[in-house]
């Protein structure tokens, strides 16, 4: 999962993540240039998932 993959469909993926995990907010899913790791860290912490688990979740959307 690289930045281009995330950035391209991020609005769609963001909506699906919010549906699947209601506790995620727009601020948790805010994707800023150069801040991908920070955003993924927020999501990992909020969901209690590892990077590998989160990558699988996003790829399965």
Protein backbone atom coordinates (compact mmCIF):
# COMPACT_ATOMS: atom_id res chain seq x y z
CA UNK A 1 0.00 0.00 0.00
CA UNK A 2 1.83 3.05 -1.22
CA UNK A 3 0.87 6.71 -1.00
CA UNK A 4 -0.36 6.80 -4.59
CA UNK A 5 -2.69 3.85 -3.98
CA UNK A 6 -4.05 5.44 -0.83
CA UNK A 7 -4.39 8.90 -2.32
CA UNK A 8 -6.15 7.73 -5.48
CA UNK A 9 -9.14 6.05 -3.88
CA UNK A 10 -8.85 7.47 -0.40
CA UNK A 11 -12.29 9.11 -0.33
CA UNK A 12 -13.92 5.77 -1.22
CA UNK A 13 -11.75 3.80 1.21
CA UNK A 14 -12.35 6.38 3.94
CA UNK A 15 -16.12 5.98 3.58
CA UNK A 16 -15.86 2.20 3.76
CA UNK A 17 -13.62 2.37 6.85
CA UNK A 18 -16.11 4.69 8.58
CA UNK A 19 -18.93 2.25 7.79
CA UNK A 20 -16.95 -0.73 9.07
CA UNK A 21 -15.51 1.04 12.14
CA UNK A 22 -18.00 3.61 13.42
CA UNK A 23 -15.55 4.93 16.03
CA UNK A 24 -13.28 6.39 13.33
CA UNK A 25 -13.77 10.12 12.75
CA UNK A 26 -12.93 12.38 9.82
CA UNK A 27 -9.95 13.67 11.82
CA UNK A 28 -8.65 10.10 12.28
CA UNK A 29 -8.87 9.57 8.53
CA UNK A 30 -7.44 12.94 7.46
CA UNK A 31 -4.90 12.25 4.71
CA UNK A 32 -2.37 15.04 4.30
CA UNK A 33 0.60 15.00 1.95
CA UNK A 34 3.63 13.60 3.74
CA UNK A 35 1.58 12.50 6.75
CA UNK A 36 0.52 9.00 5.67
CA UNK A 37 2.37 7.28 8.53
CA UNK A 38 0.89 9.68 11.07
CA UNK A 39 -2.63 8.98 9.81
CA UNK A 40 -2.08 5.21 9.79
CA UNK A 41 -0.71 5.44 13.33
CA UNK A 42 -3.88 7.23 14.50
CA UNK A 43 -6.06 4.54 12.91
CA UNK A 44 -3.94 1.71 14.36
CA UNK A 45 -4.17 3.18 17.84
CA UNK A 46 -7.91 3.85 17.65
CA UNK A 47 -8.70 0.35 16.37
CA UNK A 48 -6.04 -1.51 18.36
CA UNK A 49 -4.64 -3.09 15.20
CA UNK A 50 -1.08 -3.67 13.99
CA UNK A 51 0.28 -2.19 10.77
CA UNK A 52 -0.05 -5.57 9.05
CA UNK A 53 -3.67 -5.99 10.20
CA UNK A 54 -4.55 -2.47 9.08
CA UNK A 55 -2.90 -3.00 5.69
CA UNK A 56 -5.00 -6.16 5.16
CA UNK A 57 -8.18 -4.30 6.17
CA UNK A 58 -7.53 -1.42 3.75
CA UNK A 59 -6.54 -3.76 0.91
CA UNK A 60 -9.74 -5.77 1.39
CA UNK A 61 -12.00 -2.71 0.96
